[in-house]
Structure formats: C-alpha cells, structure tokens
C-alpha cells in the first residue's frame, strides 16, 4: 500500500526546492556543494547564568537531505560547516552551522521521513563582491 503522507511530503519538498529556494553553497573545509535552500528562522530560549534565559533567533536553512553530498558521499551537517549565499547587494554572506546556546542540536530533520534538514546557523562574515 502506498504511504500517501510520504508521497505528499516528497511532492512538497520538490515544490519548495523549485519555487521557494535560493542558491547557496554548503562548505566543509575544502569540500563544497551547491544547494537550493529555503531560508527560515527559529527562536530559541538559551539558558544563561543563574536561571536567566535569553531569546536567540537563528537563521535556518532548509534543504533536501539527499542533496548534501560532500567529497562524493552523503553526509550529515556538522558544527563549523559554513553556508554561503550571495545577497541582492552582490555581497557574500557566510553563516556557520552552530547550536543556539550549545545545549540544542545544530540541525534537525524537518519532517518525519528525514527528507529535509533544518540547519541552524549564525552570521559570521560578509565579503564584498
């Protein structure tokens, strides 16, 4: 029997990639891959000293898990990896994969069938064209 939810999610992933994405480059050291990413954001409460919390909003990138191929092998995101995108102003914006506050994951699956990564990042560099 066909899993209608799995089929529907695959269709939605294809639609997101085709109509709601921008080009970006995912890098780990010297290895990199061009991706179609959807930009999002995630608010998090990060624990500070003595029970205080700070609200942090991370820039997220959503992309198909099957597209993250580095050095010829499918891989998972890792802390320290970088995502680069060229803005409308021609500048290159660099974001580093990291955990919001260190006690949460750097990435998560965005759907129940593990077809989309949601990678949490922080802006670390801007380069002129």
Protein backbone atom coordinates (compact mmCIF):
# COMPACT_ATOMS: atom_id res chain seq x y z
CA UNK A 1 0.00 0.00 0.00
CA UNK A 2 1.24 3.49 -0.84
CA UNK A 3 2.15 5.83 2.01
CA UNK A 4 0.22 8.93 0.97
CA UNK A 5 1.91 11.17 3.53
CA UNK A 6 5.38 10.14 2.37
CA UNK A 7 4.39 10.72 -1.26
CA UNK A 8 2.86 14.09 -0.38
CA UNK A 9 5.95 15.18 1.56
CA UNK A 10 8.18 14.26 -1.38
CA UNK A 11 5.99 16.39 -3.64
CA UNK A 12 6.11 19.30 -1.17
CA UNK A 13 9.93 19.04 -0.95
CA UNK A 14 10.14 19.28 -4.74
CA UNK A 15 7.81 22.29 -4.76
CA UNK A 16 9.82 24.04 -2.02
CA UNK A 17 13.05 23.44 -3.89
CA UNK A 18 11.60 24.62 -7.21
CA UNK A 19 9.66 27.67 -6.00
CA UNK A 20 10.83 28.75 -2.54
CA UNK A 21 14.59 28.49 -2.63
CA UNK A 22 17.72 30.45 -3.38
CA UNK A 23 21.15 29.19 -4.44
CA UNK A 24 23.76 28.68 -1.72
CA UNK A 25 26.99 26.77 -1.21
CA UNK A 26 27.48 24.37 1.67
CA UNK A 27 31.15 24.03 2.71
CA UNK A 28 33.19 21.81 4.98
CA UNK A 29 36.87 22.61 4.71
CA UNK A 30 37.83 22.40 1.03
CA UNK A 31 34.73 20.36 0.10
CA UNK A 32 31.58 22.11 -1.04
CA UNK A 33 28.29 21.56 -2.82
CA UNK A 34 25.82 23.91 -4.48
CA UNK A 35 22.36 23.68 -2.91
CA UNK A 36 18.91 25.14 -3.33
CA UNK A 37 17.97 26.34 0.17
CA UNK A 38 14.94 27.88 1.78
CA UNK A 39 15.73 30.49 4.40
CA UNK A 40 13.89 30.37 7.70
CA UNK A 41 14.39 31.28 11.33
CA UNK A 42 13.97 29.60 14.68
CA UNK A 43 13.54 31.36 18.00
CA UNK A 44 15.19 29.60 20.96
CA UNK A 45 15.41 30.24 24.68
CA UNK A 46 19.04 29.91 25.70
CA UNK A 47 19.92 29.35 29.35
CA UNK A 48 22.23 31.95 30.86
CA UNK A 49 23.71 32.25 34.36
CA UNK A 50 21.54 31.69 37.42
CA UNK A 51 18.41 30.54 35.60
CA UNK A 52 18.08 33.53 33.30
CA UNK A 53 17.14 32.98 29.68
CA UNK A 54 17.93 34.92 26.53
CA UNK A 55 15.86 34.72 23.37
CA UNK A 56 18.04 33.95 20.35
CA UNK A 57 16.79 33.84 16.76
CA UNK A 58 18.88 31.62 14.47
CA UNK A 59 18.93 31.83 10.67
CA UNK A 60 17.91 28.43 9.40
CA UNK A 61 18.48 26.79 6.05
CA UNK A 62 16.15 24.06 4.84
CA UNK A 63 17.28 21.75 2.06
CA UNK A 64 16.82 18.18 0.92
CA UNK A 65 18.89 15.62 2.79
CA UNK A 66 19.71 13.84 -0.47
CA UNK A 67 21.44 16.99 -1.77
CA UNK A 68 24.13 17.18 0.94
CA UNK A 69 26.90 15.28 -0.85
CA UNK A 70 30.46 16.21 0.16
CA UNK A 71 33.51 14.54 -1.38
CA UNK A 72 31.22 12.07 -3.15
CA UNK A 73 29.43 10.85 -0.01
CA UNK A 74 26.07 11.64 1.57
CA UNK A 75 26.70 13.33 4.90
CA UNK A 76 25.05 15.00 7.88
CA UNK A 77 25.60 18.65 8.84
CA UNK A 78 28.32 19.29 11.41
CA UNK A 79 29.15 22.22 13.68
CA UNK A 80 31.60 24.56 11.97
CA UNK A 81 30.34 23.85 8.46
CA UNK A 82 29.54 27.01 6.51
CA UNK A 83 26.74 28.08 4.21
CA UNK A 84 27.41 30.94 1.80
CA UNK A 85 24.78 32.90 -0.07
CA UNK A 86 25.05 35.90 -2.36
CA UNK A 87 22.66 38.68 -1.40
CA UNK A 88 20.78 41.04 -3.69
CA UNK A 89 23.54 43.58 -2.99
CA UNK A 90 26.17 41.26 -4.52
CA UNK A 91 27.86 40.60 -1.18
CA UNK A 92 28.55 37.06 0.03
CA UNK A 93 27.06 36.29 3.42
CA UNK A 94 28.65 33.45 5.37
CA UNK A 95 26.78 31.55 8.08
CA UNK A 96 28.28 28.92 10.38
CA UNK A 97 26.42 25.82 11.49
CA UNK A 98 26.11 26.01 15.25
CA UNK A 99 23.89 25.25 18.17
CA UNK A 100 21.83 28.06 19.66
CA UNK A 101 23.38 28.21 23.12
CA UNK A 102 25.34 24.97 22.92
CA UNK A 103 22.71 22.75 24.53
CA UNK A 104 20.46 22.29 21.49
CA UNK A 105 21.21 20.43 18.24
CA UNK A 106 22.88 22.24 15.33
CA UNK A 107 20.38 20.72 12.92
CA UNK A 108 17.27 18.60 12.88
CA UNK A 109 15.10 16.80 10.40
CA UNK A 110 12.22 18.99 9.33
CA UNK A 111 9.85 16.14 8.51
CA UNK A 112 9.01 12.69 9.81
CA UNK A 113 10.58 10.93 6.83
CA UNK A 114 14.01 12.57 7.20
CA UNK A 115 13.84 14.18 3.76
CA UNK A 116 14.65 17.77 4.78
CA UNK A 117 17.36 19.21 7.01
CA UNK A 118 16.74 22.33 9.09
CA UNK A 119 20.22 23.65 9.84
CA UNK A 120 20.68 26.36 12.49
CA UNK A 121 23.34 28.99 11.71
CA UNK A 122 24.82 32.27 12.83
CA UNK A 123 26.19 35.02 10.58
CA UNK A 124 30.00 35.09 10.86
CA UNK A 125 31.26 37.01 7.82
CA UNK A 126 30.29 39.31 4.96
CA UNK A 127 32.52 39.60 1.89
CA UNK A 128 32.29 42.28 -0.78
CA UNK A 129 31.76 41.21 -4.38
